[in-house]
Amino acid sequence: TLFTERVLVVNQKAKLFEKKAEYTVFDQHGRRVGGVR
């Protein structure tokens, strides 16, 4: 989970014209554990 992993990878969704930020968060194994909107 977001708060039980020691390594988190935060990848922003690519947008040519960014109005609202959107991110996906993965653990060290590349599994999705959360996001930011």
PDB file of all heavy atoms in Angstrom:
ATOM      1  N   THR A   1       0.847  -1.194   0.000  1.00  0.00           N
ATOM      2  CA  THR A   1       0.000   0.000   0.000  1.00  0.00           C
ATOM      3  C   THR A   1       0.882   1.243   0.000  1.00  0.00           C
ATOM      4  O   THR A   1       2.096   1.166   0.213  1.00  0.00           O
ATOM      5  CB  THR A   1      -0.921   0.045   1.237  1.00  0.00           C
ATOM      6  OG1 THR A   1      -0.114   0.263   2.413  1.00  0.00           O
ATOM      7  CG2 THR A   1      -1.704  -1.243   1.397  1.00  0.00           C
ATOM      8  N   LEU A   2       0.258   2.392  -0.223  1.00  0.00           N
ATOM      9  CA  LEU A   2       0.990   3.652  -0.280  1.00  0.00           C
ATOM     10  C   LEU A   2       1.834   3.903   0.954  1.00  0.00           C
ATOM     11  O   LEU A   2       2.928   4.468   0.876  1.00  0.00           O
ATOM     12  CB  LEU A   2       0.011   4.815  -0.445  1.00  0.00           C
ATOM     13  CG  LEU A   2      -0.539   5.084  -1.837  1.00  0.00           C
ATOM     14  CD1 LEU A   2      -1.656   6.113  -1.765  1.00  0.00           C
ATOM     15  CD2 LEU A   2       0.567   5.560  -2.769  1.00  0.00           C
ATOM     16  N   PHE A   3       1.338   3.512   2.112  1.00  0.00           N
ATOM     17  CA  PHE A   3       1.997   3.855   3.367  1.00  0.00           C
ATOM     18  C   PHE A   3       2.725   2.679   4.011  1.00  0.00           C
ATOM     19  O   PHE A   3       3.106   2.747   5.170  1.00  0.00           O
ATOM     20  CB  PHE A   3       0.980   4.466   4.335  1.00  0.00           C
ATOM     21  CG  PHE A   3       0.411   5.763   3.832  1.00  0.00           C
ATOM     22  CD1 PHE A   3      -0.798   5.780   3.144  1.00  0.00           C
ATOM     23  CD2 PHE A   3       1.089   6.957   4.010  1.00  0.00           C
ATOM     24  CE1 PHE A   3      -1.314   6.972   2.655  1.00  0.00           C
ATOM     25  CE2 PHE A   3       0.584   8.150   3.531  1.00  0.00           C
ATOM     26  CZ  PHE A   3      -0.619   8.160   2.848  1.00  0.00           C
ATOM     27  N   THR A   4       2.905   1.592   3.243  1.00  0.00           N
ATOM     28  CA  THR A   4       3.644   0.450   3.784  1.00  0.00           C
ATOM     29  C   THR A   4       4.779   0.028   2.874  1.00  0.00           C
ATOM     30  O   THR A   4       5.393  -1.026   3.094  1.00  0.00           O
ATOM     31  CB  THR A   4       2.702  -0.756   4.018  1.00  0.00           C
ATOM     32  OG1 THR A   4       2.097  -1.126   2.772  1.00  0.00           O
ATOM     33  CG2 THR A   4       1.638  -0.430   5.043  1.00  0.00           C
ATOM     34  N   GLU A   5       5.074   0.824   1.853  1.00  0.00           N
ATOM     35  CA  GLU A   5       6.183   0.546   0.948  1.00  0.00           C
ATOM     36  C   GLU A   5       7.317   1.525   1.214  1.00  0.00           C
ATOM     37  O   GLU A   5       7.084   2.717   1.429  1.00  0.00           O
ATOM     38  CB  GLU A   5       5.730   0.651  -0.513  1.00  0.00           C
ATOM     39  CG  GLU A   5       4.755  -0.424  -0.947  1.00  0.00           C
ATOM     40  CD  GLU A   5       5.402  -1.802  -1.030  1.00  0.00           C
ATOM     41  OE1 GLU A   5       6.630  -1.874  -1.233  1.00  0.00           O
ATOM     42  OE2 GLU A   5       4.675  -2.806  -0.895  1.00  0.00           O
ATOM     43  N   ARG A   6       8.539   1.047   1.167  1.00  0.00           N
ATOM     44  CA  ARG A   6       9.700   1.901   1.392  1.00  0.00           C
ATOM     45  C   ARG A   6      10.149   2.597   0.107  1.00  0.00           C
ATOM     46  O   ARG A   6      10.897   3.573   0.150  1.00  0.00           O
ATOM     47  CB  ARG A   6      10.850   1.075   1.968  1.00  0.00           C
ATOM     48  CG  ARG A   6      10.584   0.564   3.383  1.00  0.00           C
ATOM     49  CD  ARG A   6      11.081   1.528   4.439  1.00  0.00           C
ATOM     50  NE  ARG A   6      12.522   1.575   4.477  1.00  0.00           N
ATOM     51  CZ  ARG A   6      13.292   0.731   5.169  1.00  0.00           C
ATOM     52  NH1 ARG A   6      12.738  -0.243   5.862  1.00  0.00           N
ATOM     53  NH2 ARG A   6      14.594   0.857   5.157  1.00  0.00           N
ATOM     54  N   VAL A   7       9.726   2.072  -1.044  1.00  0.00           N
ATOM     55  CA  VAL A   7      10.048   2.683  -2.337  1.00  0.00           C
ATOM     56  C   VAL A   7       8.744   2.896  -3.107  1.00  0.00           C
ATOM     57  O   VAL A   7       7.947   1.967  -3.254  1.00  0.00           O
ATOM     58  CB  VAL A   7      11.000   1.806  -3.168  1.00  0.00           C
ATOM     59  CG1 VAL A   7      11.192   2.395  -4.563  1.00  0.00           C
ATOM     60  CG2 VAL A   7      12.345   1.662  -2.471  1.00  0.00           C
ATOM     61  N   LEU A   8       8.532   4.126  -3.578  1.00  0.00           N
ATOM     62  CA  LEU A   8       7.374   4.458  -4.390  1.00  0.00           C
ATOM     63  C   LEU A   8       7.845   5.138  -5.666  1.00  0.00           C
ATOM     64  O   LEU A   8       8.733   5.988  -5.639  1.00  0.00           O
ATOM     65  CB  LEU A   8       6.419   5.393  -3.636  1.00  0.00           C
ATOM     66  CG  LEU A   8       5.734   4.828  -2.394  1.00  0.00           C
ATOM     67  CD1 LEU A   8       4.940   5.924  -1.685  1.00  0.00           C
ATOM     68  CD2 LEU A   8       4.809   3.659  -2.752  1.00  0.00           C
ATOM     69  N   VAL A   9       7.236   4.759  -6.788  1.00  0.00           N
ATOM     70  CA  VAL A   9       7.551   5.363  -8.073  1.00  0.00           C
ATOM     71  C   VAL A   9       6.334   6.158  -8.528  1.00  0.00           C
ATOM     72  O   VAL A   9       5.231   5.620  -8.621  1.00  0.00           O
ATOM     73  CB  VAL A   9       7.913   4.297  -9.124  1.00  0.00           C
ATOM     74  CG1 VAL A   9       8.266   4.952 -10.452  1.00  0.00           C
ATOM     75  CG2 VAL A   9       9.061   3.434  -8.631  1.00  0.00           C
ATOM     76  N   VAL A  10       6.539   7.443  -8.791  1.00  0.00           N
ATOM     77  CA  VAL A  10       5.449   8.357  -9.131  1.00  0.00           C
ATOM     78  C   VAL A  10       5.601   8.747 -10.597  1.00  0.00           C
ATOM     79  O   VAL A  10       6.571   9.413 -10.970  1.00  0.00           O
ATOM     80  CB  VAL A  10       5.491   9.624  -8.247  1.00  0.00           C
ATOM     81  CG1 VAL A  10       4.267  10.485  -8.501  1.00  0.00           C
ATOM     82  CG2 VAL A  10       5.603   9.242  -6.780  1.00  0.00           C
ATOM     83  N   ASN A  11       4.658   8.331 -11.434  1.00  0.00           N
ATOM     84  CA  ASN A  11       4.713   8.630 -12.861  1.00  0.00           C
ATOM     85  C   ASN A  11       3.541   9.524 -13.251  1.00  0.00           C
ATOM     86  O   ASN A  11       2.373   9.180 -13.011  1.00  0.00           O
ATOM     87  CB  ASN A  11       4.668   7.345 -13.690  1.00  0.00           C
ATOM     88  CG  ASN A  11       5.993   6.605 -13.667  1.00  0.00           C
ATOM     89  OD1 ASN A  11       6.968   7.076 -13.086  1.00  0.00           O
ATOM     90  ND2 ASN A  11       6.040   5.444 -14.286  1.00  0.00           N
ATOM     91  N   GLN A  12       3.852  10.652 -13.847  1.00  0.00           N
ATOM     92  CA  GLN A  12       2.816  11.579 -14.268  1.00  0.00           C
ATOM     93  C   GLN A  12       2.272  11.172 -15.624  1.00  0.00           C
ATOM     94  O   GLN A  12       3.027  10.775 -16.517  1.00  0.00           O
ATOM     95  CB  GLN A  12       3.353  13.003 -14.347  1.00  0.00           C
ATOM     96  CG  GLN A  12       2.277  14.035 -14.695  1.00  0.00           C
ATOM     97  CD  GLN A  12       2.810  15.449 -14.645  1.00  0.00           C
ATOM     98  OE1 GLN A  12       4.009  15.663 -14.640  1.00  0.00           O
ATOM     99  NE2 GLN A  12       1.920  16.414 -14.607  1.00  0.00           N
ATOM    100  N   LYS A  13       0.972  11.282 -15.784  1.00  0.00           N
ATOM    101  CA  LYS A  13       0.347  11.003 -17.076  1.00  0.00           C
ATOM    102  C   LYS A  13       0.742  12.089 -18.059  1.00  0.00           C
ATOM    103  O   LYS A  13       0.568  13.279 -17.795  1.00  0.00           O
ATOM    104  CB  LYS A  13      -1.178  10.954 -16.927  1.00  0.00           C
ATOM    105  CG  LYS A  13      -1.901  10.571 -18.209  1.00  0.00           C
ATOM    106  CD  LYS A  13      -3.407  10.441 -17.975  1.00  0.00           C
ATOM    107  CE  LYS A  13      -4.122  10.054 -19.258  1.00  0.00           C
ATOM    108  NZ  LYS A  13      -5.598   9.916 -19.049  1.00  0.00           N
ATOM    109  N   ALA A  14       1.291  11.697 -19.194  1.00  0.00           N
ATOM    110  CA  ALA A  14       1.788  12.663 -20.178  1.00  0.00           C
ATOM    111  C   ALA A  14       0.631  13.382 -20.862  1.00  0.00           C
ATOM    112  O   ALA A  14      -0.306  12.755 -21.348  1.00  0.00           O
ATOM    113  CB  ALA A  14       2.640  11.942 -21.216  1.00  0.00           C
ATOM    114  N   LYS A  15       0.712  14.723 -20.863  1.00  0.00           N
ATOM    115  CA  LYS A  15      -0.293  15.539 -21.520  1.00  0.00           C
ATOM    116  C   LYS A  15       0.402  16.690 -22.242  1.00  0.00           C
ATOM    117  O   LYS A  15       1.288  17.326 -21.683  1.00  0.00           O
ATOM    118  CB  LYS A  15      -1.286  16.115 -20.501  1.00  0.00           C
ATOM    119  CG  LYS A  15      -2.032  15.080 -19.676  1.00  0.00           C
ATOM    120  CD  LYS A  15      -2.913  15.749 -18.643  1.00  0.00           C
ATOM    121  CE  LYS A  15      -3.601  14.736 -17.744  1.00  0.00           C
ATOM    122  NZ  LYS A  15      -4.442  15.394 -16.715  1.00  0.00           N
ATOM    123  N   LEU A  16      -0.006  16.937 -23.479  1.00  0.00           N
ATOM    124  CA  LEU A  16       0.580  18.062 -24.209  1.00  0.00           C
ATOM    125  C   LEU A  16       0.201  19.380 -23.551  1.00  0.00           C
ATOM    126  O   LEU A  16       1.001  20.302 -23.455  1.00  0.00           O
ATOM    127  CB  LEU A  16       0.109  18.048 -25.662  1.00  0.00           C
ATOM    128  CG  LEU A  16       0.753  16.992 -26.566  1.00  0.00           C
ATOM    129  CD1 LEU A  16       0.087  16.999 -27.931  1.00  0.00           C
ATOM    130  CD2 LEU A  16       2.244  17.232 -26.699  1.00  0.00           C
ATOM    131  N   PHE A  17      -1.041  19.481 -23.091  1.00  0.00           N
ATOM    132  CA  PHE A  17      -1.512  20.697 -22.442  1.00  0.00           C
ATOM    133  C   PHE A  17      -2.096  20.306 -21.095  1.00  0.00           C
ATOM    134  O   PHE A  17      -3.215  19.820 -20.996  1.00  0.00           O
ATOM    135  CB  PHE A  17      -2.572  21.408 -23.306  1.00  0.00           C
ATOM    136  CG  PHE A  17      -2.080  21.730 -24.681  1.00  0.00           C
ATOM    137  CD1 PHE A  17      -2.432  20.936 -25.757  1.00  0.00           C
ATOM    138  CD2 PHE A  17      -1.245  22.808 -24.895  1.00  0.00           C
ATOM    139  CE1 PHE A  17      -1.977  21.226 -27.034  1.00  0.00           C
ATOM    140  CE2 PHE A  17      -0.788  23.117 -26.158  1.00  0.00           C
ATOM    141  CZ  PHE A  17      -1.145  22.316 -27.240  1.00  0.00           C
ATOM    142  N   GLU A  18      -1.304  20.515 -20.058  1.00  0.00           N
ATOM    143  CA  GLU A  18      -1.701  20.067 -18.731  1.00  0.00           C
ATOM    144  C   GLU A  18      -2.527  21.138 -18.025  1.00  0.00           C
ATOM    145  O   GLU A  18      -2.068  22.238 -17.786  1.00  0.00           O
ATOM    146  CB  GLU A  18      -0.463  19.762 -17.896  1.00  0.00           C
ATOM    147  CG  GLU A  18      -0.784  19.344 -16.466  1.00  0.00           C
ATOM    148  CD  GLU A  18       0.470  19.238 -15.640  1.00  0.00           C
ATOM    149  OE1 GLU A  18       1.251  18.320 -15.882  1.00  0.00           O
ATOM    150  OE2 GLU A  18       0.656  20.098 -14.764  1.00  0.00           O
ATOM    151  N   LYS A  19      -3.773  20.800 -17.714  1.00  0.00           N
ATOM    152  CA  LYS A  19      -4.614  21.688 -16.919  1.00  0.00           C
ATOM    153  C   LYS A  19      -4.747  21.160 -15.496  1.00  0.00           C
ATOM    154  O   LYS A  19      -4.743  21.928 -14.545  1.00  0.00           O
ATOM    155  CB  LYS A  19      -5.993  21.832 -17.581  1.00  0.00           C
ATOM    156  CG  LYS A  19      -5.962  22.600 -18.895  1.00  0.00           C
ATOM    157  CD  LYS A  19      -7.357  22.812 -19.442  1.00  0.00           C
ATOM    158  CE  LYS A  19      -7.319  23.630 -20.728  1.00  0.00           C
ATOM    159  NZ  LYS A  19      -8.684  23.844 -21.288  1.00  0.00           N
ATOM    160  N   LYS A  20      -4.896  19.836 -15.374  1.00  0.00           N
ATOM    161  CA  LYS A  20      -4.968  19.220 -14.062  1.00  0.00           C
ATOM    162  C   LYS A  20      -4.007  18.045 -14.015  1.00  0.00           C
ATOM    163  O   LYS A  20      -4.008  17.184 -14.892  1.00  0.00           O
ATOM    164  CB  LYS A  20      -6.396  18.747 -13.760  1.00  0.00           C
ATOM    165  CG  LYS A  20      -7.376  19.900 -13.557  1.00  0.00           C
ATOM    166  CD  LYS A  20      -8.711  19.424 -13.060  1.00  0.00           C
ATOM    167  CE  LYS A  20      -9.640  20.608 -12.785  1.00  0.00           C
ATOM    168  NZ  LYS A  20     -10.955  20.171 -12.263  1.00  0.00           N
ATOM    169  N   ALA A  21      -3.160  18.037 -12.986  1.00  0.00           N
ATOM    170  CA  ALA A  21      -2.140  17.007 -12.877  1.00  0.00           C
ATOM    171  C   ALA A  21      -2.775  15.660 -12.524  1.00  0.00           C
ATOM    172  O   ALA A  21      -3.777  15.586 -11.818  1.00  0.00           O
ATOM    173  CB  ALA A  21      -1.120  17.393 -11.811  1.00  0.00           C
ATOM    174  N   GLU A  22      -2.173  14.600 -13.025  1.00  0.00           N
ATOM    175  CA  GLU A  22      -2.639  13.243 -12.732  1.00  0.00           C
ATOM    176  C   GLU A  22      -1.428  12.316 -12.684  1.00  0.00           C
ATOM    177  O   GLU A  22      -0.607  12.315 -13.599  1.00  0.00           O
ATOM    178  CB  GLU A  22      -3.619  12.783 -13.811  1.00  0.00           C
ATOM    179  CG  GLU A  22      -4.249  11.431 -13.538  1.00  0.00           C
ATOM    180  CD  GLU A  22      -5.254  11.039 -14.603  1.00  0.00           C
ATOM    181  OE1 GLU A  22      -5.599  11.896 -15.442  1.00  0.00           O
ATOM    182  OE2 GLU A  22      -5.684   9.868 -14.599  1.00  0.00           O
ATOM    183  N   TYR A  23      -1.313  11.545 -11.592  1.00  0.00           N
ATOM    184  CA  TYR A  23      -0.165  10.672 -11.393  1.00  0.00           C
ATOM    185  C   TYR A  23      -0.634   9.272 -11.029  1.00  0.00           C
ATOM    186  O   TYR A  23      -1.694   9.090 -10.422  1.00  0.00           O
ATOM    187  CB  TYR A  23       0.724  11.173 -10.255  1.00  0.00           C
ATOM    188  CG  TYR A  23       1.327  12.549 -10.467  1.00  0.00           C
ATOM    189  CD1 TYR A  23       0.577  13.694 -10.238  1.00  0.00           C
ATOM    190  CD2 TYR A  23       2.656  12.683 -10.877  1.00  0.00           C
ATOM    191  CE1 TYR A  23       1.127  14.954 -10.425  1.00  0.00           C
ATOM    192  CE2 TYR A  23       3.210  13.941 -11.055  1.00  0.00           C
ATOM    193  CZ  TYR A  23       2.445  15.068 -10.839  1.00  0.00           C
ATOM    194  OH  TYR A  23       2.996  16.309 -11.023  1.00  0.00           O
ATOM    195  N   THR A  24       0.186   8.288 -11.380  1.00  0.00           N
ATOM    196  CA  THR A  24      -0.001   6.917 -10.920  1.00  0.00           C
ATOM    197  C   THR A  24       1.199   6.550 -10.057  1.00  0.00           C
ATOM    198  O   THR A  24       2.330   6.922 -10.369  1.00  0.00           O
ATOM    199  CB  THR A  24      -0.107   5.935 -12.099  1.00  0.00           C
ATOM    200  OG1 THR A  24      -1.189   6.342 -12.947  1.00  0.00           O
ATOM    201  CG2 THR A  24      -0.379   4.521 -11.601  1.00  0.00           C
ATOM    202  N   VAL A  25       0.952   5.830  -8.960  1.00  0.00           N
ATOM    203  CA  VAL A  25       2.011   5.474  -8.021  1.00  0.00           C
ATOM    204  C   VAL A  25       2.157   3.953  -7.987  1.00  0.00           C
ATOM    205  O   VAL A  25       1.166   3.224  -7.874  1.00  0.00           O
ATOM    206  CB  VAL A  25       1.704   5.997  -6.605  1.00  0.00           C
ATOM    207  CG1 VAL A  25       2.888   5.745  -5.676  1.00  0.00           C
ATOM    208  CG2 VAL A  25       1.368   7.486  -6.645  1.00  0.00           C
ATOM    209  N   PHE A  26       3.422   3.497  -8.100  1.00  0.00           N
ATOM    210  CA  PHE A  26       3.725   2.077  -8.129  1.00  0.00           C
ATOM    211  C   PHE A  26       4.658   1.718  -6.973  1.00  0.00           C
ATOM    212  O   PHE A  26       5.385   2.569  -6.457  1.00  0.00           O
ATOM    213  CB  PHE A  26       4.428   1.704  -9.443  1.00  0.00           C
ATOM    214  CG  PHE A  26       3.632   2.027 -10.679  1.00  0.00           C
ATOM    215  CD1 PHE A  26       3.743   3.270 -11.289  1.00  0.00           C
ATOM    216  CD2 PHE A  26       2.793   1.086 -11.243  1.00  0.00           C
ATOM    217  CE1 PHE A  26       3.023   3.575 -12.432  1.00  0.00           C
ATOM    218  CE2 PHE A  26       2.065   1.374 -12.387  1.00  0.00           C
ATOM    219  CZ  PHE A  26       2.180   2.629 -12.985  1.00  0.00           C
ATOM    220  N   ASP A  27       4.672   0.433  -6.609  1.00  0.00           N
ATOM    221  CA  ASP A  27       5.659  -0.039  -5.644  1.00  0.00           C
ATOM    222  C   ASP A  27       6.934  -0.435  -6.390  1.00  0.00           C
ATOM    223  O   ASP A  27       7.041  -0.264  -7.607  1.00  0.00           O
ATOM    224  CB  ASP A  27       5.107  -1.192  -4.801  1.00  0.00           C
ATOM    225  CG  ASP A  27       4.836  -2.461  -5.608  1.00  0.00           C
ATOM    226  OD1 ASP A  27       5.257  -2.548  -6.785  1.00  0.00           O
ATOM    227  OD2 ASP A  27       4.208  -3.383  -5.055  1.00  0.00           O
ATOM    228  N   GLN A  28       7.910  -0.982  -5.678  1.00  0.00           N
ATOM    229  CA  GLN A  28       9.193  -1.294  -6.295  1.00  0.00           C
ATOM    230  C   GLN A  28       9.115  -2.436  -7.300  1.00  0.00           C
ATOM    231  O   GLN A  28      10.038  -2.632  -8.116  1.00  0.00           O
ATOM    232  CB  GLN A  28      10.221  -1.654  -5.220  1.00  0.00           C
ATOM    233  CG  GLN A  28       9.897  -2.928  -4.468  1.00  0.00           C
ATOM    234  CD  GLN A  28      11.026  -3.353  -3.548  1.00  0.00           C
ATOM    235  OE1 GLN A  28      12.159  -2.953  -3.745  1.00  0.00           O
ATOM    236  NE2 GLN A  28      10.709  -4.156  -2.543  1.00  0.00           N
ATOM    237  N   HIS A  29       8.010  -3.177  -7.291  1.00  0.00           N
ATOM    238  CA  HIS A  29       7.829  -4.281  -8.233  1.00  0.00           C
ATOM    239  C   HIS A  29       7.016  -3.857  -9.453  1.00  0.00           C
ATOM    240  O   HIS A  29       6.714  -4.678 -10.311  1.00  0.00           O
ATOM    241  CB  HIS A  29       7.147  -5.461  -7.538  1.00  0.00           C
ATOM    242  CG  HIS A  29       7.862  -5.921  -6.310  1.00  0.00           C
ATOM    243  ND1 HIS A  29       9.107  -6.522  -6.353  1.00  0.00           N
ATOM    244  CD2 HIS A  29       7.529  -5.835  -4.991  1.00  0.00           C
ATOM    245  CE1 HIS A  29       9.510  -6.801  -5.119  1.00  0.00           C
ATOM    246  NE2 HIS A  29       8.575  -6.393  -4.286  1.00  0.00           N
ATOM    247  N   GLY A  30       6.659  -2.563  -9.504  1.00  0.00           N
ATOM    248  CA  GLY A  30       5.893  -2.070 -10.639  1.00  0.00           C
ATOM    249  C   GLY A  30       4.404  -2.292 -10.529  1.00  0.00           C
ATOM    250  O   GLY A  30       3.666  -2.168 -11.511  1.00  0.00           O
ATOM    251  N   ARG A  31       3.924  -2.597  -9.324  1.00  0.00           N
ATOM    252  CA  ARG A  31       2.487  -2.782  -9.119  1.00  0.00           C
ATOM    253  C   ARG A  31       1.852  -1.481  -8.642  1.00  0.00           C
ATOM    254  O   ARG A  31       2.378  -0.816  -7.755  1.00  0.00           O
ATOM    255  CB  ARG A  31       2.231  -3.910  -8.109  1.00  0.00           C
ATOM    256  CG  ARG A  31       2.651  -5.281  -8.608  1.00  0.00           C
ATOM    257  CD  ARG A  31       2.188  -6.370  -7.664  1.00  0.00           C
ATOM    258  NE  ARG A  31       2.910  -6.347  -6.405  1.00  0.00           N
ATOM    259  CZ  ARG A  31       3.927  -7.139  -6.097  1.00  0.00           C
ATOM    260  NH1 ARG A  31       4.358  -8.022  -6.986  1.00  0.00           N
ATOM    261  NH2 ARG A  31       4.518  -7.067  -4.931  1.00  0.00           N
ATOM    262  N   ARG A  32       0.720  -1.150  -9.204  1.00  0.00           N
ATOM    263  CA  ARG A  32       0.027   0.093  -8.862  1.00  0.00           C
ATOM    264  C   ARG A  32      -0.493   0.037  -7.434  1.00  0.00           C
ATOM    265  O   ARG A  32      -1.184  -0.911  -7.052  1.00  0.00           O
ATOM    266  CB  ARG A  32      -1.131   0.339  -9.821  1.00  0.00           C
ATOM    267  CG  ARG A  32      -1.846   1.671  -9.612  1.00  0.00           C
ATOM    268  CD  ARG A  32      -2.969   1.835 -10.624  1.00  0.00           C
ATOM    269  NE  ARG A  32      -3.658   3.101 -10.445  1.00  0.00           N
ATOM    270  CZ  ARG A  32      -4.637   3.314  -9.574  1.00  0.00           C
ATOM    271  NH1 ARG A  32      -5.056   2.300  -8.816  1.00  0.00           N
ATOM    272  NH2 ARG A  32      -5.205   4.496  -9.460  1.00  0.00           N
ATOM    273  N   VAL A  33      -0.148   1.055  -6.631  1.00  0.00           N
ATOM    274  CA  VAL A  33      -0.605   1.099  -5.243  1.00  0.00           C
ATOM    275  C   VAL A  33      -1.411   2.362  -4.945  1.00  0.00           C
ATOM    276  O   VAL A  33      -1.930   2.522  -3.837  1.00  0.00           O
ATOM    277  CB  VAL A  33       0.582   1.005  -4.255  1.00  0.00           C
ATOM    278  CG1 VAL A  33       1.248  -0.354  -4.344  1.00  0.00           C
ATOM    279  CG2 VAL A  33       1.594   2.126  -4.491  1.00  0.00           C
ATOM    280  N   GLY A  34      -1.530   3.256  -5.915  1.00  0.00           N
ATOM    281  CA  GLY A  34      -2.310   4.469  -5.669  1.00  0.00           C
ATOM    282  C   GLY A  34      -2.158   5.469  -6.790  1.00  0.00           C
ATOM    283  O   GLY A  34      -1.669   5.151  -7.882  1.00  0.00           O
ATOM    284  N   GLY A  35      -2.581   6.684  -6.503  1.00  0.00           N
ATOM    285  CA  GLY A  35      -2.504   7.734  -7.506  1.00  0.00           C
ATOM    286  C   GLY A  35      -2.733   9.102  -6.890  1.00  0.00           C
ATOM    287  O   GLY A  35      -3.005   9.230  -5.689  1.00  0.00           O
ATOM    288  N   VAL A  36      -2.603  10.111  -7.714  1.00  0.00           N
ATOM    289  CA  VAL A  36      -2.834  11.496  -7.302  1.00  0.00           C
ATOM    290  C   VAL A  36      -3.671  12.164  -8.375  1.00  0.00           C
ATOM    291  O   VAL A  36      -3.407  12.000  -9.575  1.00  0.00           O
ATOM    292  CB  VAL A  36      -1.505  12.269  -7.143  1.00  0.00           C
ATOM    293  CG1 VAL A  36      -1.777  13.690  -6.658  1.00  0.00           C
ATOM    294  CG2 VAL A  36      -0.572  11.557  -6.182  1.00  0.00           C
ATOM    295  N   ARG A  37      -4.687  12.905  -7.967  1.00  0.00           N
ATOM    296  CA  ARG A  37      -5.506  13.617  -8.930  1.00  0.00           C
ATOM    297  C   ARG A  37      -5.821  15.013  -8.416  1.00  0.00           C
ATOM    298  O   ARG A  37      -6.115  15.210  -7.239  1.00  0.00           O
ATOM    299  CB  ARG A  37      -6.797  12.840  -9.196  1.00  0.00           C
ATOM    300  CG  ARG A  37      -7.659  12.585  -7.963  1.00  0.00           C
ATOM    301  CD  ARG A  37      -8.711  11.524  -8.220  1.00  0.00           C
ATOM    302  NE  ARG A  37      -9.583  11.306  -7.076  1.00  0.00           N
ATOM    303  CZ  ARG A  37     -10.303  10.207  -6.884  1.00  0.00           C
ATOM    304  NH1 ARG A  37     -10.254   9.222  -7.767  1.00  0.00           N
ATOM    305  NH2 ARG A  37     -11.091  10.093  -5.827  1.00  0.00           N
TER     306      ARG A  37
END
